[in-house]
Each structure stands twice: as structure tokens, then as C-alpha cells.
């Protein structure tokens, strides 16, 4: 079996692009979003499984921002920040014809779902 990480291996991740997208959706400044979520213990807790479902993660995320993002809006902001690496995806496709492949990520439940 070969295990691949998501961010930095199968795709590039641009945190500033995600923050800009979230700011565009919410009107909340990027530094406030970052401080309340990604740059706080909240994200570490999410990665550790404190919020076992996407709904629980999103509810806690929204509580921290005092804004009601929809699941679709959160996903759209994450998508803006991700750039697939076509050469790696092609490699995974070739490899999986011979051995099992898996994805490992420390991202929380909402991204997993």
C-alpha cells in the first residue's frame, strides 16, 4: 500500500486564497477569521477529532466567526485554495493499478466528508 498526503502532495494549498474567499463571503477580515479558526486551538482540536462530523465542525466554526456559513460556502472557500497536481494524480492512477493506494490527511471531518 502507498499512502499519500493531500495538501502539499496531491494538491497545493493556498491558505491566503481560502481566507480571501471566506472574507468575500462573510465580510469578516481575514486576520479575524484566521485568529478565530485556523490560527487557533480550534483547528488543532478539529484535526484531533474533537468534531467528529462535518456538521459539528461547521457549527463550531460558525460559532467562532459569529456567522452562518453553509456547508457549500465552506467547501467553495476550501476549493478555491486547492490546486490539484496533475502529475501526482496521474502517478496515483498508474500506481493503483498495481497496489492499493490511500489518502492520509490531518484535515477535519468536513473536508473528509
Protein backbone atom coordinates (compact mmCIF):
# COMPACT_ATOMS: atom_id res chain seq x y z
CA UNK A 1 0.00 0.00 0.00
CA UNK A 2 1.10 3.54 -0.73
CA UNK A 3 -0.33 6.38 1.34
CA UNK A 4 -0.40 9.93 0.01
CA UNK A 5 -0.93 13.17 1.89
CA UNK A 6 -3.46 15.63 0.46
CA UNK A 7 -2.07 19.14 0.88
CA UNK A 8 1.44 19.59 -0.43
CA UNK A 9 1.48 16.23 -2.20
CA UNK A 10 -1.67 15.62 -4.25
CA UNK A 11 -2.55 19.29 -4.37
CA UNK A 12 -1.08 22.64 -3.49
CA UNK A 13 -2.90 24.58 -0.80
CA UNK A 14 -3.09 28.37 -0.66
CA UNK A 15 -4.26 29.42 2.81
CA UNK A 16 -4.39 33.11 1.80
CA UNK A 17 -6.77 32.27 -1.05
CA UNK A 18 -9.07 30.43 1.36
CA UNK A 19 -9.06 33.38 3.76
CA UNK A 20 -9.75 35.82 0.93
CA UNK A 21 -12.67 33.69 -0.21
CA UNK A 22 -14.08 33.47 3.31
CA UNK A 23 -13.70 37.23 3.70
CA UNK A 24 -15.58 37.73 0.46
CA UNK A 25 -18.40 35.51 1.67
CA UNK A 26 -18.64 36.80 5.24
CA UNK A 27 -17.29 40.34 5.15
CA UNK A 28 -15.11 39.40 8.13
CA UNK A 29 -11.45 40.49 7.87
CA UNK A 30 -9.04 37.67 7.05
CA UNK A 31 -6.94 38.21 10.18
CA UNK A 32 -10.03 37.83 12.38
CA UNK A 33 -11.08 34.63 10.56
CA UNK A 34 -7.58 33.22 10.87
CA UNK A 35 -7.27 34.10 14.55
CA UNK A 36 -10.64 32.59 15.43
CA UNK A 37 -10.22 29.38 13.46
CA UNK A 38 -7.16 28.22 11.52
CA UNK A 39 -4.62 30.00 13.71
CA UNK A 40 -6.13 28.87 16.99
CA UNK A 41 -6.52 25.76 19.08
CA UNK A 42 -9.82 25.19 17.25
CA UNK A 43 -8.11 23.83 14.15
CA UNK A 44 -5.79 21.62 16.22
CA UNK A 45 -8.84 20.26 18.01
CA UNK A 46 -10.58 19.61 14.69
CA UNK A 47 -7.55 17.74 13.38
CA UNK A 48 -7.52 15.68 16.59
CA UNK A 49 -11.14 14.60 16.04
CA UNK A 50 -12.91 16.80 18.60
CA UNK A 51 -15.59 17.49 15.97
CA UNK A 52 -16.31 14.01 14.58
CA UNK A 53 -18.81 15.10 11.92
CA UNK A 54 -18.78 17.82 9.33
CA UNK A 55 -21.93 19.30 10.85
CA UNK A 56 -20.28 19.55 14.29
CA UNK A 57 -17.16 21.10 12.80
CA UNK A 58 -19.16 23.65 10.79
CA UNK A 59 -21.33 24.57 13.80
CA UNK A 60 -18.22 25.23 15.90
CA UNK A 61 -16.54 27.11 13.03
CA UNK A 62 -19.62 29.31 12.66
CA UNK A 63 -19.83 29.91 16.41
CA UNK A 64 -16.26 31.16 16.41
CA UNK A 65 -16.94 33.52 13.50
CA UNK A 66 -20.43 34.51 14.67
CA UNK A 67 -21.54 33.90 11.08
CA UNK A 68 -23.64 31.16 9.49
CA UNK A 69 -21.59 29.76 6.64
CA UNK A 70 -23.30 26.98 4.76
CA UNK A 71 -21.52 23.72 4.05
CA UNK A 72 -21.45 24.71 0.38
CA UNK A 73 -19.81 28.07 1.16
CA UNK A 74 -17.16 26.44 3.36
CA UNK A 75 -16.43 23.87 0.64
CA UNK A 76 -16.27 26.58 -2.04
CA UNK A 77 -13.69 28.51 0.00
CA UNK A 78 -11.61 25.35 0.51
CA UNK A 79 -11.86 24.52 -3.18
CA UNK A 80 -10.55 27.97 -4.17
CA UNK A 81 -7.43 27.24 -2.13
CA UNK A 82 -6.67 23.84 -3.67
CA UNK A 83 -4.73 23.30 -6.89
CA UNK A 84 -4.50 19.65 -7.93
CA UNK A 85 -1.08 18.44 -9.04
CA UNK A 86 -1.95 16.63 -12.30
CA UNK A 87 1.37 14.78 -12.42
CA UNK A 88 0.79 13.34 -8.95
CA UNK A 89 -2.80 12.37 -9.71
CA UNK A 90 -1.62 10.62 -12.88
CA UNK A 91 1.05 8.83 -10.85
CA UNK A 92 -1.54 7.69 -8.31
CA UNK A 93 -3.75 6.40 -11.15
CA UNK A 94 -0.86 4.37 -12.59
CA UNK A 95 0.20 3.11 -9.20
CA UNK A 96 -3.25 2.00 -8.09
CA UNK A 97 -3.33 -0.46 -10.98
CA UNK A 98 -0.61 -2.39 -9.11
CA UNK A 99 -1.03 -1.67 -5.39
CA UNK A 100 -3.68 -0.25 -3.06
CA UNK A 101 -3.43 3.50 -2.51
CA UNK A 102 -4.87 5.62 0.29
CA UNK A 103 -5.17 9.23 1.33
CA UNK A 104 -3.95 10.46 4.70
CA UNK A 105 -4.72 13.95 5.88
CA UNK A 106 -4.84 15.74 9.19
CA UNK A 107 -7.80 17.83 7.99
CA UNK A 108 -11.02 17.59 9.95
CA UNK A 109 -14.32 15.87 9.38
CA UNK A 110 -15.88 18.38 6.99
CA UNK A 111 -13.10 18.02 4.44
CA UNK A 112 -13.15 14.25 4.86
CA UNK A 113 -16.87 14.17 4.13
